[in-house]
Amino acid sequence: MATRREAQDEEQMNYERNIIESGKAARREAEDERQRNLRRNTNGIRMATIREAKDEEQINYERNTIVSRMAAGREAEDERQRNLRRNTNGNRMATRREAQDEEQMNYERNTIVSRKVARREAEDERQKNLRRNTN
């Protein structure tokens, strides 16, 4: 009977040891699984963060490209407007110069004609006086 009791005690101890070991093994496996999930999640978060950073960088690049194109378009339009104003002002100035030149030419022509007329009139007056004096 003592042997049987000892065998039962031994069996009971073995059973409890196995339960304890199983619990430890289960806890280790659970911890390992938790660690794997943590690493997986961490890597997933890193990858997502990297993707988001790349997406943000791409969005910024595209935004900057669009803004640059818009700025270039505005600058080109500004340059076109400046050239248009410059050409318009140049045309106005040329037109004014031409008008002044025309006015000056007309003035000189009128002056020359007036002198010719004045000379003719003076010559006519001299001829009248000459005939009057002769008669």
N, C-alpha and C. Protein backbone atom coordinates (compact mmCIF):
# COMPACT_ATOMS: atom_id res chain seq x y z
N MET A 1 0.81 -1.19 0.00
CA MET A 1 0.00 0.00 0.00
C MET A 1 0.85 1.25 0.00
N ALA A 2 1.90 1.22 0.73
CA ALA A 2 2.78 2.38 0.76
C ALA A 2 3.35 2.59 -0.61
N THR A 3 3.67 1.54 -1.29
CA THR A 3 4.23 1.67 -2.61
C THR A 3 3.20 2.26 -3.57
N ARG A 4 1.96 1.77 -3.38
CA ARG A 4 0.90 2.30 -4.22
C ARG A 4 0.69 3.77 -3.96
N ARG A 5 0.70 4.15 -2.67
CA ARG A 5 0.55 5.56 -2.31
C ARG A 5 1.70 6.36 -2.87
N GLU A 6 2.89 5.87 -2.77
CA GLU A 6 4.05 6.57 -3.30
C GLU A 6 3.92 6.72 -4.81
N ALA A 7 3.44 5.66 -5.44
CA ALA A 7 3.28 5.71 -6.89
C ALA A 7 2.21 6.75 -7.24
N GLN A 8 1.14 6.79 -6.48
CA GLN A 8 0.08 7.78 -6.73
C GLN A 8 0.60 9.18 -6.48
N ASP A 9 1.36 9.35 -5.40
CA ASP A 9 1.95 10.67 -5.10
C ASP A 9 2.87 11.08 -6.25
N GLU A 10 3.68 10.11 -6.70
CA GLU A 10 4.59 10.39 -7.81
C GLU A 10 3.79 10.77 -9.05
N GLU A 11 2.73 10.00 -9.29
CA GLU A 11 1.88 10.29 -10.45
C GLU A 11 1.24 11.66 -10.31
N GLN A 12 0.76 11.99 -9.11
CA GLN A 12 0.15 13.29 -8.86
C GLN A 12 1.17 14.41 -9.07
N MET A 13 2.38 14.20 -8.56
CA MET A 13 3.43 15.21 -8.71
C MET A 13 3.76 15.39 -10.20
N ASN A 14 3.87 14.25 -10.91
CA ASN A 14 4.16 14.33 -12.34
C ASN A 14 3.03 15.09 -13.08
N TYR A 15 1.81 14.77 -12.69
CA TYR A 15 0.65 15.42 -13.31
C TYR A 15 0.70 16.93 -13.07
N GLU A 16 0.94 17.34 -11.83
CA GLU A 16 1.01 18.77 -11.49
C GLU A 16 2.19 19.44 -12.20
N ARG A 17 3.36 18.71 -12.25
CA ARG A 17 4.53 19.26 -12.94
C ARG A 17 4.18 19.48 -14.41
N ASN A 18 3.50 18.50 -15.02
CA ASN A 18 3.12 18.63 -16.44
C ASN A 18 2.16 19.80 -16.65
N ILE A 19 1.23 19.98 -15.73
CA ILE A 19 0.30 21.10 -15.83
C ILE A 19 1.07 22.42 -15.74
N ILE A 20 1.98 22.48 -14.76
CA ILE A 20 2.78 23.69 -14.57
C ILE A 20 3.61 23.95 -15.83
N GLU A 21 4.29 22.87 -16.32
CA GLU A 21 5.12 23.01 -17.52
C GLU A 21 4.25 23.41 -18.72
N SER A 22 3.09 22.81 -18.84
CA SER A 22 2.18 23.15 -19.95
C SER A 22 1.77 24.61 -19.87
N GLY A 23 1.47 25.05 -18.63
CA GLY A 23 1.10 26.46 -18.44
C GLY A 23 2.24 27.38 -18.82
N LYS A 24 3.48 27.00 -18.39
CA LYS A 24 4.64 27.81 -18.75
C LYS A 24 4.83 27.83 -20.26
N ALA A 25 4.72 26.64 -20.87
CA ALA A 25 4.89 26.55 -22.32
C ALA A 25 3.81 27.38 -23.02
N ALA A 26 2.59 27.28 -22.52
CA ALA A 26 1.49 28.05 -23.12
C ALA A 26 1.76 29.55 -22.99
N ARG A 27 2.26 29.96 -21.78
CA ARG A 27 2.58 31.38 -21.58
C ARG A 27 3.70 31.83 -22.51
N ARG A 28 4.75 30.95 -22.66
CA ARG A 28 5.85 31.29 -23.57
C ARG A 28 5.34 31.43 -25.00
N GLU A 29 4.50 30.48 -25.43
CA GLU A 29 3.95 30.54 -26.79
C GLU A 29 3.09 31.79 -26.98
N ALA A 30 2.29 32.11 -25.96
CA ALA A 30 1.45 33.30 -26.03
C ALA A 30 2.32 34.56 -26.13
N GLU A 31 3.40 34.58 -25.32
CA GLU A 31 4.31 35.74 -25.35
C GLU A 31 5.01 35.83 -26.71
N ASP A 32 5.45 34.64 -27.21
CA ASP A 32 6.08 34.63 -28.54
C ASP A 32 5.11 35.17 -29.61
N GLU A 33 3.89 34.71 -29.53
CA GLU A 33 2.86 35.17 -30.49
C GLU A 33 2.64 36.67 -30.35
N ARG A 34 2.58 37.16 -29.11
CA ARG A 34 2.40 38.58 -28.87
C ARG A 34 3.57 39.37 -29.46
N GLN A 35 4.77 38.85 -29.25
CA GLN A 35 5.95 39.53 -29.78
C GLN A 35 5.93 39.53 -31.32
N ARG A 36 5.55 38.39 -31.93
CA ARG A 36 5.46 38.33 -33.39
C ARG A 36 4.43 39.34 -33.91
N ASN A 37 3.27 39.39 -33.23
CA ASN A 37 2.23 40.34 -33.65
C ASN A 37 2.72 41.79 -33.49
N LEU A 38 3.42 42.03 -32.39
CA LEU A 38 3.96 43.36 -32.14
C LEU A 38 4.93 43.76 -33.25
N ARG A 39 5.86 42.82 -33.58
CA ARG A 39 6.82 43.11 -34.66
C ARG A 39 6.10 43.31 -35.99
N ARG A 40 5.12 42.43 -36.27
CA ARG A 40 4.36 42.53 -37.53
C ARG A 40 3.66 43.89 -37.60
N ASN A 41 3.01 44.26 -36.49
CA ASN A 41 2.31 45.54 -36.46
C ASN A 41 3.28 46.70 -36.59
N THR A 42 4.42 46.58 -35.89
CA THR A 42 5.43 47.64 -35.95
C THR A 42 5.93 47.78 -37.39
N ASN A 43 6.26 46.65 -38.04
CA ASN A 43 6.72 46.70 -39.43
C ASN A 43 5.63 47.25 -40.34
N GLY A 44 4.40 46.83 -40.09
CA GLY A 44 3.28 47.34 -40.89
C GLY A 44 3.13 48.85 -40.73
N ILE A 45 3.27 49.30 -39.48
CA ILE A 45 3.15 50.74 -39.22
C ILE A 45 4.30 51.47 -39.89
N ARG A 46 5.52 50.91 -39.80
CA ARG A 46 6.68 51.54 -40.45
C ARG A 46 6.43 51.64 -41.95
N MET A 47 5.98 50.53 -42.55
CA MET A 47 5.75 50.54 -44.00
C MET A 47 4.66 51.54 -44.36
N ALA A 48 3.59 51.55 -43.56
CA ALA A 48 2.51 52.50 -43.82
C ALA A 48 3.02 53.93 -43.68
N THR A 49 3.85 54.16 -42.66
CA THR A 49 4.42 55.50 -42.44
C THR A 49 5.30 55.89 -43.62
N ILE A 50 6.12 54.94 -44.08
CA ILE A 50 6.98 55.22 -45.23
C ILE A 50 6.13 55.52 -46.46
N ARG A 51 5.08 54.71 -46.67
CA ARG A 51 4.19 54.94 -47.82
C ARG A 51 3.53 56.31 -47.71
N GLU A 52 3.06 56.64 -46.50
CA GLU A 52 2.41 57.95 -46.30
C GLU A 52 3.40 59.08 -46.55
N ALA A 53 4.65 58.90 -46.09
CA ALA A 53 5.67 59.93 -46.30
C ALA A 53 5.93 60.08 -47.79
N LYS A 54 6.02 58.94 -48.51
CA LYS A 54 6.24 59.01 -49.96
C LYS A 54 5.04 59.66 -50.65
N ASP A 55 3.84 59.27 -50.21
CA ASP A 55 2.64 59.88 -50.79
C ASP A 55 2.64 61.38 -50.56
N GLU A 56 2.96 61.78 -49.32
CA GLU A 56 3.01 63.21 -48.97
C GLU A 56 4.06 63.92 -49.82
N GLU A 57 5.22 63.25 -49.97
CA GLU A 57 6.30 63.83 -50.79
C GLU A 57 5.83 63.99 -52.24
N GLN A 58 5.14 62.96 -52.75
CA GLN A 58 4.64 63.00 -54.13
C GLN A 58 3.59 64.10 -54.28
N ILE A 59 2.70 64.20 -53.28
CA ILE A 59 1.67 65.25 -53.32
C ILE A 59 2.33 66.62 -53.31
N ASN A 60 3.33 66.79 -52.43
CA ASN A 60 4.04 68.08 -52.37
C ASN A 60 4.75 68.38 -53.68
N TYR A 61 5.37 67.33 -54.26
CA TYR A 61 6.07 67.51 -55.53
C TYR A 61 5.08 67.96 -56.60
N GLU A 62 3.94 67.26 -56.68
CA GLU A 62 2.93 67.61 -57.68
C GLU A 62 2.39 69.01 -57.43
N ARG A 63 2.13 69.34 -56.14
CA ARG A 63 1.63 70.67 -55.80
C ARG A 63 2.65 71.73 -56.23
N ASN A 64 3.93 71.48 -55.90
CA ASN A 64 4.97 72.43 -56.26
C ASN A 64 5.10 72.57 -57.77
N THR A 65 4.97 71.43 -58.48
CA THR A 65 5.04 71.48 -59.94
C THR A 65 3.89 72.30 -60.50
N ILE A 66 2.69 72.07 -59.99
CA ILE A 66 1.53 72.82 -60.46
C ILE A 66 1.71 74.30 -60.15
N VAL A 67 2.16 74.59 -58.92
CA VAL A 67 2.36 76.00 -58.52
C VAL A 67 3.43 76.63 -59.40
N SER A 68 4.51 75.87 -59.68
CA SER A 68 5.57 76.39 -60.54
C SER A 68 5.04 76.70 -61.93
N ARG A 69 4.22 75.76 -62.46
CA ARG A 69 3.64 76.00 -63.79
C ARG A 69 2.74 77.23 -63.76
N MET A 70 1.94 77.34 -62.70
CA MET A 70 1.05 78.50 -62.60
C MET A 70 1.86 79.79 -62.52
N ALA A 71 2.94 79.76 -61.72
CA ALA A 71 3.79 80.94 -61.59
C ALA A 71 4.44 81.25 -62.93
N ALA A 72 4.91 80.21 -63.63
CA ALA A 72 5.52 80.42 -64.94
C ALA A 72 4.50 81.00 -65.91
N GLY A 73 3.27 80.48 -65.84
CA GLY A 73 2.20 81.02 -66.70
C GLY A 73 1.93 82.48 -66.38
N ARG A 74 1.88 82.80 -65.07
CA ARG A 74 1.65 84.20 -64.67
C ARG A 74 2.79 85.08 -65.14
N GLU A 75 4.04 84.58 -64.97
CA GLU A 75 5.19 85.36 -65.40
C GLU A 75 5.17 85.58 -66.91
N ALA A 76 4.81 84.53 -67.65
CA ALA A 76 4.73 84.66 -69.12
C ALA A 76 3.66 85.68 -69.49
N GLU A 77 2.52 85.63 -68.80
CA GLU A 77 1.44 86.59 -69.08
C GLU A 77 1.87 88.00 -68.72
N ASP A 78 2.57 88.13 -67.57
CA ASP A 78 3.08 89.45 -67.18
C ASP A 78 4.04 89.98 -68.24
N GLU A 79 4.94 89.10 -68.71
CA GLU A 79 5.90 89.50 -69.74
C GLU A 79 5.16 89.91 -71.03
N ARG A 80 4.14 89.12 -71.38
CA ARG A 80 3.35 89.44 -72.58
C ARG A 80 2.68 90.80 -72.42
N GLN A 81 2.13 91.04 -71.22
CA GLN A 81 1.47 92.33 -70.97
C GLN A 81 2.49 93.47 -71.02
N ARG A 82 3.68 93.24 -70.43
CA ARG A 82 4.72 94.29 -70.48
C ARG A 82 5.11 94.58 -71.92
N ASN A 83 5.30 93.51 -72.70
CA ASN A 83 5.66 93.71 -74.10
C ASN A 83 4.55 94.44 -74.86
N LEU A 84 3.32 94.07 -74.55
CA LEU A 84 2.18 94.72 -75.20
C LEU A 84 2.15 96.20 -74.84
N ARG A 85 2.34 96.51 -73.55
CA ARG A 85 2.36 97.92 -73.14
C ARG A 85 3.54 98.65 -73.77
N ARG A 86 4.70 97.97 -73.76
CA ARG A 86 5.90 98.59 -74.35
C ARG A 86 5.65 98.88 -75.83
N ASN A 87 5.09 97.87 -76.53
CA ASN A 87 4.82 98.06 -77.96
C ASN A 87 3.77 99.14 -78.17
N THR A 88 2.75 99.13 -77.32
CA THR A 88 1.70 100.14 -77.45
C THR A 88 2.29 101.53 -77.19
N ASN A 89 3.09 101.63 -76.11
CA ASN A 89 3.73 102.92 -75.81
C ASN A 89 4.67 103.32 -76.94
N GLY A 90 5.42 102.34 -77.45
CA GLY A 90 6.33 102.61 -78.56
C GLY A 90 5.57 103.09 -79.78
N ASN A 91 4.43 102.44 -80.05
CA ASN A 91 3.62 102.85 -81.20
C ASN A 91 3.06 104.25 -80.99
N ARG A 92 2.61 104.52 -79.77
CA ARG A 92 2.09 105.87 -79.47
C ARG A 92 3.17 106.91 -79.66
N MET A 93 4.37 106.58 -79.13
CA MET A 93 5.47 107.55 -79.25
C MET A 93 5.85 107.74 -80.72
N ALA A 94 5.90 106.61 -81.47
CA ALA A 94 6.23 106.72 -82.89
C ALA A 94 5.15 107.52 -83.61
N THR A 95 3.89 107.28 -83.28
CA THR A 95 2.79 108.01 -83.91
C THR A 95 2.89 109.50 -83.58
N ARG A 96 3.22 109.78 -82.29
CA ARG A 96 3.40 111.19 -81.90
C ARG A 96 4.55 111.83 -82.66
N ARG A 97 5.67 111.06 -82.74
CA ARG A 97 6.83 111.60 -83.48
C ARG A 97 6.47 111.84 -84.93
N GLU A 98 5.75 110.88 -85.53
CA GLU A 98 5.34 111.04 -86.92
C GLU A 98 4.42 112.25 -87.07
N ALA A 99 3.50 112.41 -86.12
CA ALA A 99 2.59 113.56 -86.17
C ALA A 99 3.38 114.86 -86.03
N GLN A 100 4.34 114.86 -85.11
CA GLN A 100 5.16 116.06 -84.94
C GLN A 100 5.99 116.33 -86.18
N ASP A 101 6.56 115.26 -86.77
CA ASP A 101 7.33 115.42 -88.00
C ASP A 101 6.43 115.98 -89.11
N GLU A 102 5.22 115.41 -89.21
CA GLU A 102 4.26 115.88 -90.23
C GLU A 102 3.92 117.35 -89.99
N GLU A 103 3.66 117.66 -88.72
CA GLU A 103 3.34 119.04 -88.37
C GLU A 103 4.51 119.97 -88.73
N GLN A 104 5.74 119.51 -88.40
CA GLN A 104 6.93 120.31 -88.70
C GLN A 104 7.08 120.49 -90.22
N MET A 105 6.88 119.40 -90.96
CA MET A 105 6.97 119.50 -92.42
C MET A 105 5.93 120.46 -92.98
N ASN A 106 4.70 120.35 -92.46
CA ASN A 106 3.64 121.25 -92.91
C ASN A 106 3.98 122.70 -92.57
N TYR A 107 4.52 122.88 -91.37
CA TYR A 107 4.91 124.23 -90.96
C TYR A 107 5.97 124.79 -91.91
N GLU A 108 6.99 123.96 -92.17
CA GLU A 108 8.06 124.41 -93.07
C GLU A 108 7.53 124.65 -94.48
N ARG A 109 6.67 123.76 -94.97
CA ARG A 109 6.08 123.93 -96.29
C ARG A 109 5.28 125.23 -96.34
N ASN A 110 4.49 125.42 -95.29
CA ASN A 110 3.69 126.66 -95.26
C ASN A 110 4.59 127.89 -95.20
N THR A 111 5.67 127.78 -94.46
CA THR A 111 6.60 128.91 -94.36
C THR A 111 7.22 129.20 -95.73
N ILE A 112 7.65 128.15 -96.42
CA ILE A 112 8.24 128.32 -97.76
C ILE A 112 7.22 128.92 -98.72
N VAL A 113 6.00 128.34 -98.70
CA VAL A 113 4.94 128.85 -99.58
C VAL A 113 4.64 130.30 -99.23
N SER A 114 4.56 130.58 -97.94
CA SER A 114 4.28 131.95 -97.52
C SER A 114 5.36 132.90 -98.01
N ARG A 115 6.60 132.48 -97.94
CA ARG A 115 7.69 133.34 -98.44
C ARG A 115 7.56 133.54 -99.94
N LYS A 116 7.25 132.43 -100.66
CA LYS A 116 7.09 132.56 -102.11
C LYS A 116 5.95 133.52 -102.45
N VAL A 117 4.84 133.35 -101.72
CA VAL A 117 3.68 134.22 -101.93
C VAL A 117 4.07 135.66 -101.62
N ALA A 118 4.77 135.82 -100.49
CA ALA A 118 5.19 137.17 -100.10
C ALA A 118 6.11 137.76 -101.16
N ARG A 119 7.03 136.97 -101.72
CA ARG A 119 7.92 137.46 -102.77
C ARG A 119 7.14 137.83 -104.02
N ARG A 120 6.17 136.95 -104.40
CA ARG A 120 5.35 137.25 -105.58
C ARG A 120 4.58 138.55 -105.38
N GLU A 121 3.99 138.65 -104.19
CA GLU A 121 3.23 139.87 -103.90
C GLU A 121 4.14 141.10 -103.94
N ALA A 122 5.34 140.94 -103.37
CA ALA A 122 6.29 142.07 -103.38
C ALA A 122 6.68 142.39 -104.83
N GLU A 123 6.92 141.34 -105.63
CA GLU A 123 7.27 141.55 -107.03
C GLU A 123 6.13 142.22 -107.78
N ASP A 124 4.89 141.75 -107.52
CA ASP A 124 3.72 142.37 -108.17
C ASP A 124 3.61 143.84 -107.78
N GLU A 125 3.81 144.12 -106.51
CA GLU A 125 3.74 145.50 -106.02
C GLU A 125 4.83 146.35 -106.69
N ARG A 126 6.03 145.80 -106.81
CA ARG A 126 7.12 146.52 -107.45
C ARG A 126 6.78 146.79 -108.92
N GLN A 127 6.20 145.79 -109.58
CA GLN A 127 5.84 145.97 -111.00
C GLN A 127 4.78 147.04 -111.16
N LYS A 128 3.79 147.03 -110.23
CA LYS A 128 2.74 148.08 -110.29
C LYS A 128 3.36 149.45 -110.12
N ASN A 129 4.23 149.53 -109.12
CA ASN A 129 4.87 150.84 -108.88
C ASN A 129 5.74 151.26 -110.07
N LEU A 130 6.41 150.30 -110.67
CA LEU A 130 7.25 150.60 -111.83
C LEU A 130 6.39 151.11 -112.98
N ARG A 131 5.24 150.46 -113.24
CA ARG A 131 4.36 150.89 -114.33
C ARG A 131 3.77 152.25 -114.01
N ARG A 132 3.37 152.43 -112.77
CA ARG A 132 2.79 153.70 -112.35
C ARG A 132 3.83 154.83 -112.59
N ASN A 133 5.02 154.53 -112.16
CA ASN A 133 6.06 155.55 -112.31
C ASN A 133 6.40 155.79 -113.78
N THR A 134 6.36 154.80 -114.59
CA THR A 134 6.65 154.92 -115.99
C THR A 134 5.57 155.74 -116.68
N ASN A 135 4.34 155.49 -116.31
CA ASN A 135 3.24 156.22 -116.91
C ASN A 135 3.25 157.61 -116.33
